[in-house]
Amino acid sequence: MPMYALTVNKGGLKLRQHDAANGGEPWIEMSMAKFLHQKMTATSAPLDYFAFRLSQMMDRPVVDLTGLHGGYDFTLEYTRELPPGFPEGGKINGEDPDTSGPTVFEAVRQQLGLALKAQKGPVEVIAIDHAEKPSEN
């Protein structure tokens, strides 16, 4: 199926491995400075968890193919695309939408030393092979 492969970029990794002495649960906090401008702050996050979180906001699954293990601390700041069907010249709260800043693809490469590549590959899916109406109680 179509997917994005998360890989290490040719320029090399720019992530900081989490200091094991600090422990803690893996976490990725998402915030928005203003409409379309997204920030992800990760603490002790494995890259397969990062790929899962990216999958939640992208148009296809993201699969971790980095081969890297352990947790990482990082911040990723990027600008989301305008929603599909957004009218040409449309306004948000009376203002032109600010689309400045790197896309998620550029930000992942520049800020983390990783790459998101569109390709086909194996992805997890849920298949429902049978369904019935619930019985009345």
N, C-alpha and C. Protein backbone atom coordinates (compact mmCIF):
# COMPACT_ATOMS: atom_id res chain seq x y z
N MET A 1 0.84 -1.18 0.00
CA MET A 1 0.00 0.00 0.00
C MET A 1 0.89 1.25 0.00
N PRO A 2 0.35 2.39 -0.41
CA PRO A 2 1.12 3.63 -0.33
C PRO A 2 1.46 3.95 1.13
N MET A 3 2.69 4.40 1.34
CA MET A 3 3.16 4.75 2.68
C MET A 3 4.27 5.77 2.56
N TYR A 4 4.68 6.32 3.69
CA TYR A 4 5.89 7.12 3.77
C TYR A 4 6.91 6.31 4.56
N ALA A 5 8.10 6.13 4.01
CA ALA A 5 9.18 5.45 4.71
C ALA A 5 9.99 6.49 5.46
N LEU A 6 10.14 6.31 6.77
CA LEU A 6 10.98 7.18 7.58
C LEU A 6 12.37 6.56 7.60
N THR A 7 13.35 7.26 7.03
CA THR A 7 14.71 6.75 6.93
C THR A 7 15.70 7.80 7.41
N VAL A 8 16.95 7.39 7.59
CA VAL A 8 18.01 8.33 7.93
C VAL A 8 18.43 9.04 6.64
N ASN A 9 18.51 10.36 6.68
CA ASN A 9 18.89 11.15 5.51
C ASN A 9 20.38 11.00 5.22
N LYS A 10 20.76 11.23 3.97
CA LYS A 10 22.17 11.12 3.56
C LYS A 10 23.08 12.03 4.36
N GLY A 11 22.59 13.20 4.77
CA GLY A 11 23.39 14.17 5.51
C GLY A 11 23.71 13.74 6.94
N GLY A 12 23.06 12.70 7.42
CA GLY A 12 23.33 12.20 8.77
C GLY A 12 22.30 12.63 9.79
N LEU A 13 22.22 11.86 10.83
CA LEU A 13 21.24 12.04 11.90
C LEU A 13 21.54 13.28 12.73
N LYS A 14 20.50 14.04 13.07
CA LYS A 14 20.64 15.24 13.89
C LYS A 14 19.86 15.11 15.20
N LEU A 15 19.50 13.90 15.57
CA LEU A 15 18.73 13.65 16.79
C LEU A 15 19.67 13.47 17.98
N ARG A 16 19.15 13.76 19.17
CA ARG A 16 19.90 13.54 20.42
C ARG A 16 19.25 12.37 21.14
N GLN A 17 20.05 11.32 21.40
CA GLN A 17 19.51 10.17 22.12
C GLN A 17 19.20 10.58 23.55
N HIS A 18 18.08 10.10 24.07
CA HIS A 18 17.64 10.43 25.42
C HIS A 18 18.60 9.83 26.44
N ASP A 19 18.95 10.63 27.43
CA ASP A 19 19.84 10.18 28.50
C ASP A 19 19.07 9.18 29.37
N ALA A 20 19.52 7.94 29.38
CA ALA A 20 18.82 6.88 30.11
C ALA A 20 18.72 7.18 31.60
N ALA A 21 19.64 7.95 32.13
CA ALA A 21 19.61 8.27 33.57
C ALA A 21 18.40 9.11 33.94
N ASN A 22 17.83 9.82 32.95
CA ASN A 22 16.66 10.67 33.22
C ASN A 22 15.34 9.92 33.14
N GLY A 23 15.36 8.71 32.60
CA GLY A 23 14.16 7.86 32.55
C GLY A 23 12.94 8.57 32.01
N GLY A 24 11.79 8.13 32.43
CA GLY A 24 10.53 8.74 32.00
C GLY A 24 9.90 7.99 30.85
N GLU A 25 8.60 8.20 30.70
CA GLU A 25 7.84 7.57 29.64
C GLU A 25 8.06 8.31 28.32
N PRO A 26 8.06 7.59 27.20
CA PRO A 26 8.15 8.26 25.90
C PRO A 26 6.94 9.17 25.70
N TRP A 27 7.17 10.34 25.14
CA TRP A 27 6.10 11.30 24.98
C TRP A 27 6.38 12.20 23.80
N ILE A 28 5.36 12.54 23.03
CA ILE A 28 5.46 13.56 21.98
C ILE A 28 4.30 14.52 22.18
N GLU A 29 4.62 15.74 22.51
CA GLU A 29 3.61 16.78 22.70
C GLU A 29 3.47 17.57 21.42
N MET A 30 2.23 17.77 20.99
CA MET A 30 1.98 18.55 19.79
C MET A 30 1.30 19.86 20.18
N SER A 31 1.79 20.94 19.61
CA SER A 31 1.18 22.25 19.88
C SER A 31 1.17 23.05 18.59
N MET A 32 0.36 24.10 18.59
CA MET A 32 0.23 24.95 17.43
C MET A 32 0.47 26.39 17.86
N ALA A 33 1.55 27.02 17.33
CA ALA A 33 1.85 28.41 17.65
C ALA A 33 0.78 29.32 17.05
N LYS A 34 0.42 29.07 15.81
CA LYS A 34 -0.69 29.73 15.14
C LYS A 34 -1.18 28.77 14.07
N PHE A 35 -2.33 29.07 13.49
CA PHE A 35 -2.94 28.17 12.52
C PHE A 35 -1.92 27.74 11.47
N LEU A 36 -1.81 26.46 11.23
CA LEU A 36 -0.93 25.79 10.28
C LEU A 36 0.49 25.58 10.80
N HIS A 37 0.93 26.30 11.82
CA HIS A 37 2.30 26.16 12.33
C HIS A 37 2.30 25.18 13.51
N GLN A 38 2.88 24.01 13.27
CA GLN A 38 2.85 22.90 14.21
C GLN A 38 4.21 22.73 14.86
N LYS A 39 4.20 22.27 16.12
CA LYS A 39 5.44 21.98 16.84
C LYS A 39 5.26 20.65 17.56
N MET A 40 6.24 19.76 17.38
CA MET A 40 6.25 18.48 18.08
C MET A 40 7.48 18.48 18.98
N THR A 41 7.27 18.23 20.28
CA THR A 41 8.37 18.15 21.23
C THR A 41 8.39 16.73 21.78
N ALA A 42 9.49 16.01 21.52
CA ALA A 42 9.59 14.61 21.90
C ALA A 42 10.56 14.43 23.05
N THR A 43 10.17 13.55 23.97
CA THR A 43 11.02 13.17 25.10
C THR A 43 11.10 11.65 25.14
N SER A 44 12.30 11.12 24.99
CA SER A 44 12.55 9.68 25.05
C SER A 44 11.68 8.90 24.06
N ALA A 45 11.42 9.49 22.89
CA ALA A 45 10.50 8.88 21.92
C ALA A 45 11.24 7.96 20.96
N PRO A 46 10.85 6.69 20.90
CA PRO A 46 11.39 5.79 19.88
C PRO A 46 10.89 6.26 18.51
N LEU A 47 11.65 5.99 17.47
CA LEU A 47 11.27 6.48 16.15
C LEU A 47 10.05 5.78 15.58
N ASP A 48 9.75 4.55 16.03
CA ASP A 48 8.51 3.93 15.58
C ASP A 48 7.29 4.65 16.16
N TYR A 49 7.42 5.20 17.37
CA TYR A 49 6.34 6.00 17.97
C TYR A 49 6.21 7.33 17.23
N PHE A 50 7.34 7.95 16.86
CA PHE A 50 7.32 9.17 16.07
C PHE A 50 6.62 8.91 14.73
N ALA A 51 6.93 7.79 14.08
CA ALA A 51 6.28 7.44 12.81
C ALA A 51 4.78 7.28 13.01
N PHE A 52 4.36 6.65 14.10
CA PHE A 52 2.94 6.49 14.41
C PHE A 52 2.26 7.86 14.55
N ARG A 53 2.90 8.78 15.28
CA ARG A 53 2.31 10.11 15.47
C ARG A 53 2.23 10.88 14.16
N LEU A 54 3.24 10.75 13.30
CA LEU A 54 3.18 11.38 11.98
C LEU A 54 2.04 10.79 11.16
N SER A 55 1.83 9.49 11.27
CA SER A 55 0.76 8.82 10.52
C SER A 55 -0.60 9.40 10.84
N GLN A 56 -0.79 9.86 12.08
CA GLN A 56 -2.08 10.39 12.51
C GLN A 56 -2.45 11.68 11.79
N MET A 57 -1.47 12.39 11.25
CA MET A 57 -1.76 13.67 10.62
C MET A 57 -1.44 13.71 9.14
N MET A 58 -0.97 12.61 8.59
CA MET A 58 -0.61 12.58 7.18
C MET A 58 -1.63 11.76 6.39
N ASP A 59 -1.51 11.82 5.08
CA ASP A 59 -2.49 11.18 4.21
C ASP A 59 -2.23 9.69 3.98
N ARG A 60 -1.17 9.15 4.58
CA ARG A 60 -0.88 7.72 4.48
C ARG A 60 -0.02 7.31 5.67
N PRO A 61 0.07 6.03 5.96
CA PRO A 61 0.87 5.59 7.10
C PRO A 61 2.35 5.93 6.93
N VAL A 62 3.02 6.15 8.05
CA VAL A 62 4.47 6.35 8.08
C VAL A 62 5.06 5.14 8.77
N VAL A 63 6.05 4.52 8.13
CA VAL A 63 6.68 3.30 8.65
C VAL A 63 8.15 3.61 8.96
N ASP A 64 8.56 3.30 10.19
CA ASP A 64 9.94 3.52 10.62
C ASP A 64 10.85 2.49 9.99
N LEU A 65 11.72 2.92 9.07
CA LEU A 65 12.71 2.05 8.45
C LEU A 65 14.13 2.53 8.76
N THR A 66 14.29 3.29 9.85
CA THR A 66 15.60 3.83 10.21
C THR A 66 16.53 2.77 10.76
N GLY A 67 15.99 1.75 11.41
CA GLY A 67 16.83 0.74 12.06
C GLY A 67 17.44 1.24 13.37
N LEU A 68 17.01 2.43 13.82
CA LEU A 68 17.54 3.00 15.06
C LEU A 68 16.67 2.59 16.24
N HIS A 69 17.31 2.32 17.37
CA HIS A 69 16.61 1.89 18.57
C HIS A 69 16.85 2.90 19.68
N GLY A 70 16.04 2.82 20.71
CA GLY A 70 16.18 3.72 21.85
C GLY A 70 15.27 4.93 21.69
N GLY A 71 15.30 5.79 22.71
CA GLY A 71 14.47 6.98 22.70
C GLY A 71 15.27 8.22 22.36
N TYR A 72 14.60 9.19 21.76
CA TYR A 72 15.26 10.42 21.32
C TYR A 72 14.49 11.63 21.83
N ASP A 73 15.25 12.71 22.09
CA ASP A 73 14.68 14.00 22.46
C ASP A 73 14.86 14.92 21.26
N PHE A 74 13.78 15.57 20.84
CA PHE A 74 13.90 16.50 19.71
C PHE A 74 12.68 17.41 19.65
N THR A 75 12.85 18.47 18.89
CA THR A 75 11.75 19.39 18.58
C THR A 75 11.68 19.50 17.07
N LEU A 76 10.47 19.41 16.54
CA LEU A 76 10.24 19.53 15.11
C LEU A 76 9.20 20.62 14.90
N GLU A 77 9.56 21.62 14.11
CA GLU A 77 8.63 22.72 13.81
C GLU A 77 8.43 22.78 12.30
N TYR A 78 7.17 22.80 11.87
CA TYR A 78 6.86 22.80 10.45
C TYR A 78 5.52 23.49 10.22
N THR A 79 5.22 23.72 8.95
CA THR A 79 3.97 24.35 8.55
C THR A 79 3.13 23.33 7.79
N ARG A 80 1.91 23.14 8.26
CA ARG A 80 0.99 22.21 7.59
C ARG A 80 0.48 22.83 6.31
N GLU A 81 0.03 21.99 5.40
CA GLU A 81 -0.57 22.46 4.16
C GLU A 81 -1.97 22.97 4.44
N LEU A 82 -2.47 23.84 3.56
CA LEU A 82 -3.85 24.29 3.68
C LEU A 82 -4.78 23.09 3.50
N PRO A 83 -5.92 23.10 4.17
CA PRO A 83 -6.86 21.97 4.03
C PRO A 83 -7.32 21.81 2.58
N PRO A 84 -7.62 20.58 2.15
CA PRO A 84 -8.14 20.36 0.80
C PRO A 84 -9.40 21.20 0.57
N GLY A 85 -9.49 21.81 -0.58
CA GLY A 85 -10.67 22.60 -0.92
C GLY A 85 -10.64 24.02 -0.37
N PHE A 86 -9.53 24.41 0.28
CA PHE A 86 -9.44 25.78 0.80
C PHE A 86 -9.48 26.73 -0.39
N PRO A 87 -10.39 27.71 -0.37
CA PRO A 87 -10.57 28.57 -1.54
C PRO A 87 -9.36 29.48 -1.79
N GLU A 88 -9.06 29.70 -3.07
CA GLU A 88 -8.00 30.64 -3.47
C GLU A 88 -8.33 32.02 -2.91
N GLY A 89 -7.39 32.61 -2.22
CA GLY A 89 -7.61 33.92 -1.61
C GLY A 89 -8.43 33.87 -0.33
N GLY A 90 -8.69 32.66 0.17
CA GLY A 90 -9.48 32.51 1.39
C GLY A 90 -8.77 33.10 2.60
N LYS A 91 -9.53 33.47 3.59
CA LYS A 91 -9.01 34.09 4.81
C LYS A 91 -9.30 33.18 6.01
N ILE A 92 -8.48 33.34 7.04
CA ILE A 92 -8.68 32.65 8.31
C ILE A 92 -8.77 33.74 9.37
N ASN A 93 -9.92 33.84 10.00
CA ASN A 93 -10.16 34.92 10.97
C ASN A 93 -9.85 36.28 10.37
N GLY A 94 -10.20 36.45 9.10
CA GLY A 94 -10.02 37.74 8.43
C GLY A 94 -8.62 38.00 7.93
N GLU A 95 -7.71 37.05 8.06
CA GLU A 95 -6.32 37.26 7.62
C GLU A 95 -5.92 36.19 6.61
N ASP A 96 -4.94 36.54 5.77
CA ASP A 96 -4.38 35.56 4.85
C ASP A 96 -3.68 34.48 5.66
N PRO A 97 -3.83 33.21 5.28
CA PRO A 97 -3.14 32.14 6.01
C PRO A 97 -1.63 32.25 5.84
N ASP A 98 -0.89 32.06 6.92
CA ASP A 98 0.57 32.13 6.90
C ASP A 98 1.11 30.75 6.56
N THR A 99 1.56 30.58 5.32
CA THR A 99 2.10 29.29 4.89
C THR A 99 3.63 29.31 4.85
N SER A 100 4.24 30.30 5.50
CA SER A 100 5.70 30.35 5.53
C SER A 100 6.22 29.25 6.45
N GLY A 101 7.44 28.90 6.25
CA GLY A 101 8.05 27.85 7.07
C GLY A 101 8.15 26.56 6.29
N PRO A 102 8.96 25.63 6.80
CA PRO A 102 9.18 24.37 6.08
C PRO A 102 7.97 23.44 6.18
N THR A 103 7.80 22.63 5.13
CA THR A 103 6.80 21.57 5.18
C THR A 103 7.31 20.50 6.14
N VAL A 104 6.47 19.55 6.49
CA VAL A 104 6.90 18.47 7.38
C VAL A 104 8.05 17.68 6.74
N PHE A 105 8.03 17.52 5.42
CA PHE A 105 9.08 16.79 4.72
C PHE A 105 10.42 17.52 4.84
N GLU A 106 10.40 18.85 4.61
CA GLU A 106 11.63 19.65 4.72
C GLU A 106 12.11 19.70 6.16
N ALA A 107 11.20 19.88 7.10
CA ALA A 107 11.58 19.99 8.52
C ALA A 107 12.19 18.70 9.04
N VAL A 108 11.63 17.56 8.68
CA VAL A 108 12.17 16.27 9.12
C VAL A 108 13.61 16.12 8.62
N ARG A 109 13.85 16.53 7.38
CA ARG A 109 15.19 16.43 6.80
C ARG A 109 16.15 17.43 7.46
N GLN A 110 15.75 18.71 7.53
CA GLN A 110 16.64 19.76 8.02
C GLN A 110 16.88 19.67 9.52
N GLN A 111 15.83 19.43 10.29
CA GLN A 111 15.92 19.53 11.74
C GLN A 111 16.30 18.21 12.42
N LEU A 112 15.96 17.07 11.81
CA LEU A 112 16.18 15.78 12.45
C LEU A 112 17.20 14.89 11.73
N GLY A 113 17.52 15.23 10.48
CA GLY A 113 18.43 14.38 9.72
C GLY A 113 17.77 13.09 9.27
N LEU A 114 16.45 13.13 9.14
CA LEU A 114 15.68 11.97 8.67
C LEU A 114 15.04 12.33 7.34
N ALA A 115 14.41 11.37 6.69
CA ALA A 115 13.72 11.62 5.43
C ALA A 115 12.39 10.89 5.43
N LEU A 116 11.40 11.50 4.81
CA LEU A 116 10.11 10.86 4.56
C LEU A 116 10.00 10.65 3.06
N LYS A 117 9.94 9.39 2.63
CA LYS A 117 9.90 9.08 1.21
C LYS A 117 8.60 8.35 0.88
N ALA A 118 7.86 8.89 -0.09
CA ALA A 118 6.64 8.24 -0.55
C ALA A 118 7.01 7.00 -1.35
N GLN A 119 6.43 5.87 -0.97
CA GLN A 119 6.67 4.62 -1.68
C GLN A 119 5.55 3.64 -1.34
N LYS A 120 5.62 2.48 -1.93
CA LYS A 120 4.68 1.41 -1.58
C LYS A 120 5.41 0.40 -0.72
N GLY A 121 4.69 -0.19 0.23
CA GLY A 121 5.31 -1.18 1.09
C GLY A 121 4.28 -1.78 2.02
N PRO A 122 4.72 -2.71 2.87
CA PRO A 122 3.79 -3.35 3.80
C PRO A 122 3.41 -2.38 4.93
N VAL A 123 2.12 -2.29 5.19
CA VAL A 123 1.61 -1.46 6.29
C VAL A 123 0.58 -2.28 7.07
N GLU A 124 0.42 -1.93 8.34
CA GLU A 124 -0.58 -2.60 9.15
C GLU A 124 -1.96 -2.08 8.79
N VAL A 125 -2.90 -2.97 8.63
CA VAL A 125 -4.29 -2.61 8.36
C VAL A 125 -5.19 -3.47 9.23
N ILE A 126 -6.40 -3.02 9.40
CA ILE A 126 -7.41 -3.80 10.11
C ILE A 126 -8.42 -4.29 9.08
N ALA A 127 -8.63 -5.59 9.03
CA ALA A 127 -9.59 -6.17 8.10
C ALA A 127 -10.76 -6.75 8.90
N ILE A 128 -11.96 -6.35 8.55
CA ILE A 128 -13.16 -6.89 9.19
C ILE A 128 -13.75 -7.90 8.22
N ASP A 129 -13.76 -9.16 8.63
CA ASP A 129 -14.23 -10.20 7.74
C ASP A 129 -15.67 -10.62 8.01
N HIS A 130 -16.26 -10.08 9.09
CA HIS A 130 -17.63 -10.45 9.40
C HIS A 130 -18.22 -9.42 10.37
N ALA A 131 -19.46 -9.06 10.15
CA ALA A 131 -20.16 -8.15 11.06
C ALA A 131 -21.63 -8.54 11.14
N GLU A 132 -22.21 -8.41 12.32
CA GLU A 132 -23.63 -8.71 12.50
C GLU A 132 -24.27 -7.58 13.30
N LYS A 133 -25.57 -7.41 13.08
CA LYS A 133 -26.30 -6.45 13.89
C LYS A 133 -26.36 -6.97 15.32
N PRO A 134 -26.25 -6.09 16.31
CA PRO A 134 -26.36 -6.55 17.68
C PRO A 134 -27.75 -7.08 17.98
N SER A 135 -27.83 -8.07 18.83
CA SER A 135 -29.14 -8.61 19.21
C SER A 135 -29.80 -7.72 20.26
N GLU A 136 -31.11 -7.73 20.29
CA GLU A 136 -31.82 -6.94 21.30
C GLU A 136 -31.71 -7.65 22.66
N ASN A 137 -31.57 -6.88 23.73
CA ASN A 137 -31.49 -7.45 25.07
C ASN A 137 -32.84 -7.56 25.69
